[in-house]
Amino acid sequence: MASPTGRPIREAEFDRRVMGYVRMVVSLLLVITVVGIPLIPFWLIWSLSYAPRALDRLSARLTARALEVETGVYFRKESTIPLDRITDIRLHDDPIMRRYGIRGIRVETAGQAGSSASAEGNLVGIVDAEDFRNAILAQREALLDAPAGAGAAAPSSAPAAVGDVALLTEIRDLLRSIERKT
C-alpha cells in the first residue's frame, strides 16, 4: 500500500515471539473467567492459524509527518497518527511480556478519547522498541522545529475578514459576560 503521508523513513519490525505472548494472555483470560476454560483447546488450535496472519498484517511506518499503523485480519484498521498530535510515547511491558522478551509502545495523542489500553497507537512486540520510539520522537522534534513554510502551507497573513472580526468580537463579549457572572 502506498503511504498517504509520504515515503517511509523507518518501518517497525515485529518479533515472532509476540504470537506466544498473545496465546498466553488470551488463555489466561479464559482461565480467569472460568466459563472460558472449555474454550481453551479451541482457542489454541484456532490461534495457530490466526496469530501468524495477524502478525503478518501488523505494520507500523514512520514517515516525515505521521506514524502509520495497520492491524487486523478479519476487521482491518489503518490509522494515521500525525506526529504533531503525539503528546507521549511510552515503552511498556508486563511480567508476561518480559517472559517472552518483548516490549510495547503506546502512543498517546492530543484529544485522544478512551483509555490508553485501547489506543490506536498500542504496538506490542516491536523489535528494538526503544530505538523505534526514539526515531519517532526525533522526527516529531524535527517536524515541530522546521520553519513554518517547510511543511504544510503557512497560515495566511492577510487581514482578517469582516466576518472573522465580528465573530471574535462576539466571543470577547461572551467571555466578558461570563466573567462578570462569576
N, C-alpha and C. Protein backbone atom coordinates (compact mmCIF):
# COMPACT_ATOMS: atom_id res chain seq x y z
N MET A 1 0.84 -1.18 0.00
CA MET A 1 0.00 0.00 0.00
C MET A 1 0.88 1.24 0.00
N ALA A 2 0.54 2.21 -0.82
CA ALA A 2 1.28 3.47 -0.87
C ALA A 2 0.96 4.29 0.37
N SER A 3 1.97 4.91 0.89
CA SER A 3 1.81 5.70 2.10
C SER A 3 1.14 7.02 1.77
N PRO A 4 0.02 7.35 2.47
CA PRO A 4 -0.66 8.62 2.20
C PRO A 4 0.11 9.84 2.69
N THR A 5 1.07 9.65 3.58
CA THR A 5 1.80 10.79 4.14
C THR A 5 3.24 10.83 3.70
N GLY A 6 3.58 10.16 2.64
CA GLY A 6 4.94 10.23 2.13
C GLY A 6 5.71 8.93 2.25
N ARG A 7 6.96 9.02 1.83
CA ARG A 7 7.85 7.86 1.83
C ARG A 7 8.23 7.50 3.26
N PRO A 8 8.20 6.20 3.61
CA PRO A 8 8.56 5.79 4.97
C PRO A 8 10.02 6.09 5.29
N ILE A 9 10.24 6.64 6.47
CA ILE A 9 11.59 6.88 6.97
C ILE A 9 12.10 5.62 7.65
N ARG A 10 11.19 4.97 8.39
CA ARG A 10 11.55 3.76 9.11
C ARG A 10 10.31 2.90 9.28
N GLU A 11 10.50 1.58 9.17
CA GLU A 11 9.41 0.64 9.39
C GLU A 11 9.73 -0.22 10.59
N ALA A 12 8.72 -0.47 11.40
CA ALA A 12 8.90 -1.30 12.59
C ALA A 12 8.92 -2.76 12.18
N GLU A 13 9.75 -3.52 12.85
CA GLU A 13 9.79 -4.97 12.65
C GLU A 13 9.23 -5.59 13.92
N PHE A 14 8.36 -6.58 13.76
CA PHE A 14 7.71 -7.20 14.91
C PHE A 14 8.31 -8.58 15.19
N ASP A 15 8.53 -8.85 16.46
CA ASP A 15 9.13 -10.09 16.94
C ASP A 15 8.11 -11.22 16.84
N ARG A 16 8.51 -12.35 16.32
CA ARG A 16 7.62 -13.51 16.18
C ARG A 16 7.18 -14.05 17.54
N ARG A 17 7.90 -13.73 18.61
CA ARG A 17 7.54 -14.21 19.94
C ARG A 17 6.24 -13.59 20.43
N VAL A 18 5.77 -12.55 19.78
CA VAL A 18 4.52 -11.92 20.18
C VAL A 18 3.34 -12.90 20.00
N MET A 19 3.46 -13.85 19.09
CA MET A 19 2.39 -14.84 18.90
C MET A 19 2.21 -15.68 20.16
N GLY A 20 3.30 -16.12 20.77
CA GLY A 20 3.22 -16.88 22.02
C GLY A 20 2.65 -16.04 23.14
N TYR A 21 3.03 -14.77 23.16
CA TYR A 21 2.52 -13.84 24.18
C TYR A 21 1.00 -13.71 24.06
N VAL A 22 0.49 -13.53 22.85
CA VAL A 22 -0.95 -13.38 22.65
C VAL A 22 -1.67 -14.66 23.05
N ARG A 23 -1.13 -15.82 22.67
CA ARG A 23 -1.75 -17.09 23.06
C ARG A 23 -1.84 -17.20 24.58
N MET A 24 -0.75 -16.84 25.26
CA MET A 24 -0.71 -16.95 26.71
C MET A 24 -1.70 -15.99 27.37
N VAL A 25 -1.74 -14.74 26.92
CA VAL A 25 -2.63 -13.75 27.54
C VAL A 25 -4.09 -14.15 27.36
N VAL A 26 -4.48 -14.54 26.16
CA VAL A 26 -5.88 -14.93 25.93
C VAL A 26 -6.21 -16.19 26.72
N SER A 27 -5.29 -17.15 26.78
CA SER A 27 -5.53 -18.37 27.55
C SER A 27 -5.71 -18.04 29.03
N LEU A 28 -4.89 -17.14 29.56
CA LEU A 28 -5.05 -16.74 30.97
C LEU A 28 -6.39 -16.05 31.21
N LEU A 29 -6.81 -15.22 30.28
CA LEU A 29 -8.12 -14.57 30.42
C LEU A 29 -9.24 -15.60 30.41
N LEU A 30 -9.12 -16.62 29.57
CA LEU A 30 -10.13 -17.67 29.53
C LEU A 30 -10.15 -18.45 30.84
N VAL A 31 -8.98 -18.68 31.43
CA VAL A 31 -8.91 -19.39 32.71
C VAL A 31 -9.52 -18.54 33.83
N ILE A 32 -9.22 -17.25 33.82
CA ILE A 32 -9.73 -16.36 34.86
C ILE A 32 -11.25 -16.28 34.83
N THR A 33 -11.82 -16.30 33.65
CA THR A 33 -13.28 -16.23 33.56
C THR A 33 -13.95 -17.53 33.95
N VAL A 34 -13.23 -18.60 34.10
CA VAL A 34 -13.69 -19.94 34.47
C VAL A 34 -14.64 -20.50 33.41
N VAL A 35 -15.59 -19.71 32.95
CA VAL A 35 -16.51 -20.17 31.92
C VAL A 35 -15.75 -20.44 30.61
N GLY A 36 -14.63 -19.74 30.42
CA GLY A 36 -13.86 -19.89 29.20
C GLY A 36 -12.94 -21.09 29.18
N ILE A 37 -12.78 -21.79 30.29
CA ILE A 37 -11.85 -22.92 30.36
C ILE A 37 -12.13 -23.96 29.26
N PRO A 38 -13.37 -24.35 29.00
CA PRO A 38 -13.60 -25.33 27.92
C PRO A 38 -13.22 -24.80 26.53
N LEU A 39 -13.11 -23.50 26.39
CA LEU A 39 -12.78 -22.91 25.09
C LEU A 39 -11.28 -22.88 24.80
N ILE A 40 -10.45 -23.13 25.80
CA ILE A 40 -9.00 -23.02 25.63
C ILE A 40 -8.48 -23.90 24.51
N PRO A 41 -8.86 -25.20 24.42
CA PRO A 41 -8.33 -26.00 23.29
C PRO A 41 -8.71 -25.43 21.93
N PHE A 42 -9.95 -24.94 21.81
CA PHE A 42 -10.39 -24.37 20.53
C PHE A 42 -9.59 -23.10 20.22
N TRP A 43 -9.36 -22.25 21.26
CA TRP A 43 -8.59 -21.04 21.08
C TRP A 43 -7.16 -21.37 20.62
N LEU A 44 -6.54 -22.33 21.28
CA LEU A 44 -5.16 -22.66 20.93
C LEU A 44 -5.04 -23.20 19.51
N ILE A 45 -5.98 -24.04 19.10
CA ILE A 45 -5.96 -24.56 17.72
C ILE A 45 -6.21 -23.44 16.73
N TRP A 46 -7.22 -22.61 16.99
CA TRP A 46 -7.54 -21.51 16.09
C TRP A 46 -6.41 -20.50 16.02
N SER A 47 -5.75 -20.24 17.15
CA SER A 47 -4.67 -19.25 17.18
C SER A 47 -3.46 -19.68 16.36
N LEU A 48 -3.31 -20.99 16.11
CA LEU A 48 -2.19 -21.45 15.29
C LEU A 48 -2.28 -20.90 13.87
N SER A 49 -3.49 -20.69 13.37
CA SER A 49 -3.63 -20.11 12.03
C SER A 49 -3.81 -18.59 12.09
N TYR A 50 -4.46 -18.10 13.15
CA TYR A 50 -4.77 -16.69 13.24
C TYR A 50 -3.54 -15.84 13.59
N ALA A 51 -2.77 -16.25 14.58
CA ALA A 51 -1.66 -15.43 15.07
C ALA A 51 -0.63 -15.10 13.98
N PRO A 52 -0.19 -16.05 13.16
CA PRO A 52 0.76 -15.67 12.10
C PRO A 52 0.17 -14.67 11.10
N ARG A 53 -1.11 -14.83 10.76
CA ARG A 53 -1.74 -13.89 9.83
C ARG A 53 -1.88 -12.51 10.45
N ALA A 54 -2.20 -12.46 11.75
CA ALA A 54 -2.31 -11.17 12.44
C ALA A 54 -0.96 -10.48 12.50
N LEU A 55 0.10 -11.25 12.75
CA LEU A 55 1.43 -10.66 12.81
C LEU A 55 1.89 -10.19 11.43
N ASP A 56 1.57 -10.94 10.39
CA ASP A 56 1.93 -10.52 9.03
C ASP A 56 1.19 -9.25 8.62
N ARG A 57 -0.01 -9.07 9.12
CA ARG A 57 -0.81 -7.89 8.78
C ARG A 57 -0.44 -6.66 9.60
N LEU A 58 0.23 -6.87 10.73
CA LEU A 58 0.62 -5.78 11.61
C LEU A 58 1.81 -5.03 11.04
N SER A 59 1.67 -3.71 10.93
CA SER A 59 2.79 -2.90 10.45
C SER A 59 2.71 -1.50 11.04
N ALA A 60 3.88 -0.90 11.17
CA ALA A 60 3.98 0.49 11.65
C ALA A 60 5.08 1.16 10.84
N ARG A 61 4.75 2.28 10.21
CA ARG A 61 5.70 3.04 9.39
C ARG A 61 5.78 4.47 9.90
N LEU A 62 7.00 4.95 10.00
CA LEU A 62 7.25 6.34 10.36
C LEU A 62 7.55 7.10 9.08
N THR A 63 6.76 8.14 8.81
CA THR A 63 7.01 8.99 7.65
C THR A 63 7.43 10.37 8.17
N ALA A 64 7.65 11.29 7.27
CA ALA A 64 8.09 12.63 7.66
C ALA A 64 7.07 13.36 8.52
N ARG A 65 5.77 13.04 8.35
CA ARG A 65 4.74 13.77 9.07
C ARG A 65 3.82 12.93 9.94
N ALA A 66 3.93 11.58 9.88
CA ALA A 66 2.97 10.76 10.60
C ALA A 66 3.53 9.38 10.93
N LEU A 67 2.83 8.71 11.83
CA LEU A 67 3.06 7.31 12.14
C LEU A 67 1.85 6.57 11.60
N GLU A 68 2.09 5.63 10.69
CA GLU A 68 1.01 4.87 10.07
C GLU A 68 1.00 3.46 10.65
N VAL A 69 -0.18 3.03 11.12
CA VAL A 69 -0.32 1.73 11.76
C VAL A 69 -1.42 0.95 11.05
N GLU A 70 -1.13 -0.31 10.71
CA GLU A 70 -2.12 -1.21 10.11
C GLU A 70 -2.23 -2.44 10.98
N THR A 71 -3.48 -2.84 11.29
CA THR A 71 -3.72 -4.02 12.10
C THR A 71 -4.93 -4.77 11.57
N GLY A 72 -5.11 -5.98 12.07
CA GLY A 72 -6.33 -6.74 11.82
C GLY A 72 -6.22 -7.77 10.73
N VAL A 73 -6.93 -8.85 10.93
CA VAL A 73 -7.03 -9.92 9.93
C VAL A 73 -8.42 -9.89 9.33
N TYR A 74 -9.43 -10.03 10.17
CA TYR A 74 -10.81 -10.02 9.68
C TYR A 74 -11.35 -8.59 9.60
N PHE A 75 -11.08 -7.83 10.62
CA PHE A 75 -11.50 -6.44 10.66
C PHE A 75 -10.24 -5.59 10.60
N ARG A 76 -9.92 -5.10 9.44
CA ARG A 76 -8.68 -4.36 9.23
C ARG A 76 -8.85 -2.90 9.61
N LYS A 77 -7.75 -2.36 10.11
CA LYS A 77 -7.77 -0.96 10.56
C LYS A 77 -6.46 -0.31 10.12
N GLU A 78 -6.56 0.81 9.45
CA GLU A 78 -5.40 1.60 9.04
C GLU A 78 -5.52 2.96 9.71
N SER A 79 -4.53 3.30 10.53
CA SER A 79 -4.56 4.57 11.26
C SER A 79 -3.35 5.41 10.86
N THR A 80 -3.58 6.69 10.75
CA THR A 80 -2.50 7.64 10.52
C THR A 80 -2.50 8.60 11.70
N ILE A 81 -1.40 8.58 12.45
CA ILE A 81 -1.28 9.42 13.63
C ILE A 81 -0.30 10.55 13.29
N PRO A 82 -0.80 11.78 13.12
CA PRO A 82 0.10 12.90 12.80
C PRO A 82 1.12 13.11 13.93
N LEU A 83 2.36 13.31 13.57
CA LEU A 83 3.42 13.47 14.58
C LEU A 83 3.18 14.70 15.45
N ASP A 84 2.61 15.75 14.88
CA ASP A 84 2.40 16.96 15.68
C ASP A 84 1.27 16.80 16.69
N ARG A 85 0.49 15.71 16.61
CA ARG A 85 -0.58 15.44 17.58
C ARG A 85 -0.12 14.49 18.70
N ILE A 86 1.07 13.92 18.55
CA ILE A 86 1.57 12.98 19.56
C ILE A 86 2.02 13.77 20.79
N THR A 87 1.49 13.38 21.96
CA THR A 87 1.86 14.04 23.20
C THR A 87 2.82 13.20 24.03
N ASP A 88 2.75 11.86 23.90
CA ASP A 88 3.62 10.99 24.69
C ASP A 88 3.76 9.65 23.99
N ILE A 89 4.95 9.08 24.13
CA ILE A 89 5.21 7.73 23.62
C ILE A 89 5.81 6.95 24.78
N ARG A 90 5.09 5.93 25.22
CA ARG A 90 5.53 5.15 26.38
C ARG A 90 5.98 3.76 25.96
N LEU A 91 7.09 3.34 26.53
CA LEU A 91 7.51 1.95 26.42
C LEU A 91 6.84 1.21 27.57
N HIS A 92 6.31 0.04 27.30
CA HIS A 92 5.67 -0.71 28.38
C HIS A 92 5.94 -2.20 28.23
N ASP A 93 5.90 -2.86 29.35
CA ASP A 93 5.95 -4.32 29.36
C ASP A 93 5.28 -4.79 30.65
N ASP A 94 4.89 -6.02 30.67
CA ASP A 94 4.30 -6.61 31.86
C ASP A 94 5.07 -7.91 32.14
N PRO A 95 4.76 -8.60 33.21
CA PRO A 95 5.52 -9.82 33.51
C PRO A 95 5.49 -10.86 32.39
N ILE A 96 4.36 -11.00 31.73
CA ILE A 96 4.28 -11.98 30.64
C ILE A 96 5.11 -11.52 29.44
N MET A 97 5.06 -10.22 29.14
CA MET A 97 5.87 -9.69 28.04
C MET A 97 7.36 -9.89 28.33
N ARG A 98 7.76 -9.64 29.59
CA ARG A 98 9.17 -9.86 29.95
C ARG A 98 9.55 -11.33 29.80
N ARG A 99 8.62 -12.23 30.12
CA ARG A 99 8.87 -13.66 29.98
C ARG A 99 9.17 -14.02 28.52
N TYR A 100 8.47 -13.35 27.60
CA TYR A 100 8.68 -13.59 26.16
C TYR A 100 9.74 -12.68 25.56
N GLY A 101 10.29 -11.77 26.35
CA GLY A 101 11.35 -10.89 25.88
C GLY A 101 10.89 -9.84 24.88
N ILE A 102 9.66 -9.34 25.05
CA ILE A 102 9.13 -8.33 24.14
C ILE A 102 8.71 -7.09 24.91
N ARG A 103 8.60 -5.98 24.21
CA ARG A 103 8.15 -4.71 24.78
C ARG A 103 7.12 -4.11 23.84
N GLY A 104 6.41 -3.13 24.34
CA GLY A 104 5.42 -2.45 23.54
C GLY A 104 5.61 -0.95 23.57
N ILE A 105 4.99 -0.30 22.61
CA ILE A 105 4.99 1.16 22.54
C ILE A 105 3.53 1.60 22.55
N ARG A 106 3.23 2.57 23.40
CA ARG A 106 1.88 3.14 23.45
C ARG A 106 1.99 4.61 23.08
N VAL A 107 1.31 4.98 22.00
CA VAL A 107 1.34 6.36 21.50
C VAL A 107 0.09 7.07 21.99
N GLU A 108 0.29 8.17 22.69
CA GLU A 108 -0.83 8.98 23.16
C GLU A 108 -0.86 10.27 22.37
N THR A 109 -2.07 10.67 21.97
CA THR A 109 -2.22 11.86 21.14
C THR A 109 -3.09 12.90 21.82
N ALA A 110 -2.96 14.13 21.36
CA ALA A 110 -3.81 15.21 21.86
C ALA A 110 -5.24 14.92 21.45
N GLY A 111 -6.14 15.05 22.38
CA GLY A 111 -7.55 14.82 22.08
C GLY A 111 -7.93 13.36 22.02
N GLN A 112 -7.08 12.47 22.50
CA GLN A 112 -7.38 11.04 22.46
C GLN A 112 -8.49 10.74 23.44
N ALA A 113 -9.49 10.02 22.99
CA ALA A 113 -10.59 9.65 23.86
C ALA A 113 -10.43 8.20 24.28
N GLY A 114 -10.92 7.88 25.46
CA GLY A 114 -10.87 6.50 25.92
C GLY A 114 -9.59 6.20 26.66
N SER A 115 -9.46 4.95 27.06
CA SER A 115 -8.28 4.54 27.83
C SER A 115 -7.10 4.30 26.91
N SER A 116 -5.92 4.38 27.50
CA SER A 116 -4.71 4.17 26.71
C SER A 116 -4.56 2.71 26.29
N ALA A 117 -5.28 1.79 26.96
CA ALA A 117 -5.20 0.38 26.58
C ALA A 117 -5.84 0.16 25.21
N SER A 118 -6.80 1.02 24.85
CA SER A 118 -7.45 0.86 23.55
C SER A 118 -6.91 1.86 22.53
N ALA A 119 -5.78 2.45 22.81
CA ALA A 119 -5.22 3.45 21.91
C ALA A 119 -4.87 2.84 20.57
N GLU A 120 -5.06 3.60 19.50
CA GLU A 120 -4.74 3.10 18.19
C GLU A 120 -3.25 2.94 18.00
N GLY A 121 -2.48 3.59 18.81
CA GLY A 121 -1.04 3.50 18.72
C GLY A 121 -0.45 2.56 19.75
N ASN A 122 -1.12 1.46 20.05
CA ASN A 122 -0.62 0.48 21.01
C ASN A 122 0.00 -0.67 20.23
N LEU A 123 1.34 -0.70 20.18
CA LEU A 123 2.07 -1.67 19.37
C LEU A 123 2.89 -2.58 20.28
N VAL A 124 2.57 -3.86 20.28
CA VAL A 124 3.26 -4.83 21.13
C VAL A 124 4.19 -5.68 20.27
N GLY A 125 5.41 -5.86 20.75
CA GLY A 125 6.33 -6.78 20.09
C GLY A 125 7.26 -6.15 19.07
N ILE A 126 7.45 -4.85 19.11
CA ILE A 126 8.36 -4.21 18.16
C ILE A 126 9.79 -4.58 18.53
N VAL A 127 10.54 -5.03 17.53
CA VAL A 127 11.95 -5.32 17.74
C VAL A 127 12.67 -4.00 17.99
N ASP A 128 13.44 -3.93 19.05
CA ASP A 128 14.18 -2.73 19.45
C ASP A 128 13.22 -1.54 19.58
N ALA A 129 12.24 -1.72 20.46
CA ALA A 129 11.18 -0.73 20.66
C ALA A 129 11.73 0.63 21.09
N GLU A 130 12.78 0.63 21.88
CA GLU A 130 13.34 1.91 22.35
C GLU A 130 13.90 2.73 21.19
N ASP A 131 14.58 2.09 20.24
CA ASP A 131 15.11 2.80 19.08
C ASP A 131 13.99 3.34 18.20
N PHE A 132 12.91 2.53 18.03
CA PHE A 132 11.79 2.99 17.21
C PHE A 132 11.12 4.19 17.88
N ARG A 133 10.95 4.13 19.20
CA ARG A 133 10.39 5.27 19.93
C ARG A 133 11.26 6.51 19.76
N ASN A 134 12.57 6.33 19.89
CA ASN A 134 13.48 7.47 19.74
C ASN A 134 13.43 8.05 18.33
N ALA A 135 13.27 7.19 17.31
CA ALA A 135 13.15 7.67 15.93
C ALA A 135 11.87 8.50 15.76
N ILE A 136 10.78 8.05 16.37
CA ILE A 136 9.52 8.81 16.30
C ILE A 136 9.69 10.16 16.97
N LEU A 137 10.28 10.16 18.16
CA LEU A 137 10.47 11.42 18.89
C LEU A 137 11.39 12.37 18.13
N ALA A 138 12.46 11.83 17.54
CA ALA A 138 13.38 12.68 16.77
C ALA A 138 12.69 13.29 15.55
N GLN A 139 11.89 12.49 14.85
CA GLN A 139 11.18 13.00 13.68
C GLN A 139 10.13 14.02 14.10
N ARG A 140 9.47 13.78 15.23
CA ARG A 140 8.48 14.73 15.74
C ARG A 140 9.14 16.06 16.06
N GLU A 141 10.30 16.03 16.73
CA GLU A 141 11.02 17.26 17.05
C GLU A 141 11.47 17.98 15.79
N ALA A 142 11.94 17.22 14.80
CA ALA A 142 12.37 17.84 13.54
C ALA A 142 11.19 18.51 12.84
N LEU A 143 10.02 17.87 12.90
CA LEU A 143 8.82 18.43 12.27
C LEU A 143 8.37 19.70 12.99
N LEU A 144 8.40 19.67 14.32
CA LEU A 144 7.95 20.83 15.09
C LEU A 144 8.94 21.99 15.02
N ASP A 145 10.24 21.68 14.86
CA ASP A 145 11.26 22.72 14.79
C ASP A 145 11.45 23.29 13.39
N ALA A 146 10.86 22.63 12.38
CA ALA A 146 11.01 23.08 10.99
C ALA A 146 10.34 24.44 10.83
N PRO A 147 10.88 25.29 9.95
CA PRO A 147 10.22 26.58 9.69
C PRO A 147 8.82 26.36 9.14
N ALA A 148 7.95 27.31 9.40
CA ALA A 148 6.53 27.17 9.03
C ALA A 148 6.34 26.91 7.54
N GLY A 149 7.16 27.44 6.68
CA GLY A 149 6.99 27.26 5.25
C GLY A 149 7.51 25.94 4.73
N ALA A 150 8.27 25.18 5.55
CA ALA A 150 8.88 23.94 5.08
C ALA A 150 7.89 22.81 4.96
N GLY A 151 6.88 22.75 5.84
CA GLY A 151 5.93 21.65 5.82
C GLY A 151 4.69 22.04 5.07
N ALA A 152 3.59 22.06 5.80
CA ALA A 152 2.32 22.45 5.19
C ALA A 152 2.33 23.95 4.93
N ALA A 153 1.34 24.39 4.20
CA ALA A 153 1.26 25.81 3.88
C ALA A 153 1.13 26.63 5.14
N ALA A 154 1.87 27.73 5.19
CA ALA A 154 1.83 28.62 6.35
C ALA A 154 0.51 29.34 6.38
N PRO A 155 0.02 29.67 7.57
CA PRO A 155 -1.24 30.40 7.64
C PRO A 155 -1.11 31.74 6.93
N SER A 156 -2.21 32.18 6.36
CA SER A 156 -2.22 33.42 5.61
C SER A 156 -2.03 34.60 6.55
N SER A 157 -1.23 35.57 6.13
CA SER A 157 -1.03 36.77 6.94
C SER A 157 -1.92 37.90 6.46
N ALA A 158 -2.90 37.59 5.62
CA ALA A 158 -3.84 38.59 5.12
C ALA A 158 -4.70 39.08 6.28
N PRO A 159 -5.21 40.32 6.19
CA PRO A 159 -6.05 40.83 7.27
C PRO A 159 -7.29 39.96 7.44
N ALA A 160 -7.79 39.92 8.66
CA ALA A 160 -8.97 39.11 8.96
C ALA A 160 -10.18 39.63 8.19
N ALA A 161 -11.02 38.71 7.78
CA ALA A 161 -12.23 39.09 7.07
C ALA A 161 -13.21 39.73 8.05
N VAL A 162 -14.18 40.48 7.53
CA VAL A 162 -15.15 41.17 8.36
C VAL A 162 -15.91 40.17 9.24
N GLY A 163 -16.26 39.02 8.69
CA GLY A 163 -16.98 38.00 9.46
C GLY A 163 -16.15 37.49 10.62
N ASP A 164 -14.82 37.36 10.41
CA ASP A 164 -13.93 36.90 11.47
C ASP A 164 -13.89 37.91 12.61
N VAL A 165 -13.82 39.19 12.27
CA VAL A 165 -13.77 40.24 13.29
C VAL A 165 -15.06 40.24 14.09
N ALA A 166 -16.19 40.08 13.43
CA ALA A 166 -17.48 40.06 14.11
C ALA A 166 -17.56 38.85 15.06
N LEU A 167 -17.08 37.71 14.62
CA LEU A 167 -17.10 36.51 15.45
C LEU A 167 -16.20 36.69 16.67
N LEU A 168 -15.02 37.25 16.46
CA LEU A 168 -14.10 37.48 17.58
C LEU A 168 -14.68 38.48 18.57
N THR A 169 -15.34 39.50 18.07
CA THR A 169 -15.98 40.49 18.94
C THR A 169 -17.07 39.84 19.78
N GLU A 170 -17.88 38.98 19.14
CA GLU A 170 -18.94 38.28 19.86
C GLU A 170 -18.36 37.36 20.93
N ILE A 171 -17.28 36.65 20.62
CA ILE A 171 -16.63 35.78 21.60
C ILE A 171 -16.10 36.60 22.77
N ARG A 172 -15.49 37.75 22.47
CA ARG A 172 -14.98 38.62 23.53
C ARG A 172 -16.10 39.08 24.44
N ASP A 173 -17.23 39.49 23.86
CA ASP A 173 -18.36 39.95 24.65
C ASP A 173 -18.93 38.84 25.52
N LEU A 174 -19.00 37.63 24.97
CA LEU A 174 -19.49 36.48 25.75
C LEU A 174 -18.56 36.18 26.92
N LEU A 175 -17.27 36.23 26.69
CA LEU A 175 -16.30 35.98 27.76
C LEU A 175 -16.41 37.04 28.86
N ARG A 176 -16.60 38.28 28.48
CA ARG A 176 -16.77 39.36 29.48
C ARG A 176 -18.04 39.12 30.29
N SER A 177 -19.11 38.70 29.61
CA SER A 177 -20.38 38.43 30.29
C SER A 177 -20.22 37.28 31.29
N ILE A 178 -19.54 36.23 30.89
CA ILE A 178 -19.29 35.09 31.78
C ILE A 178 -18.43 35.52 32.95
N GLU A 179 -17.43 36.34 32.68
CA GLU A 179 -16.53 36.81 33.73
C GLU A 179 -17.28 37.63 34.78
N ARG A 180 -18.22 38.48 34.34
CA ARG A 180 -18.99 39.29 35.27
C ARG A 180 -19.87 38.43 36.17
N LYS A 181 -20.39 37.33 35.63
CA LYS A 181 -21.31 36.47 36.37
C LYS A 181 -20.59 35.58 37.40
N THR A 182 -19.29 35.40 37.24
CA THR A 182 -18.57 34.52 38.16
C THR A 182 -17.83 35.25 39.22
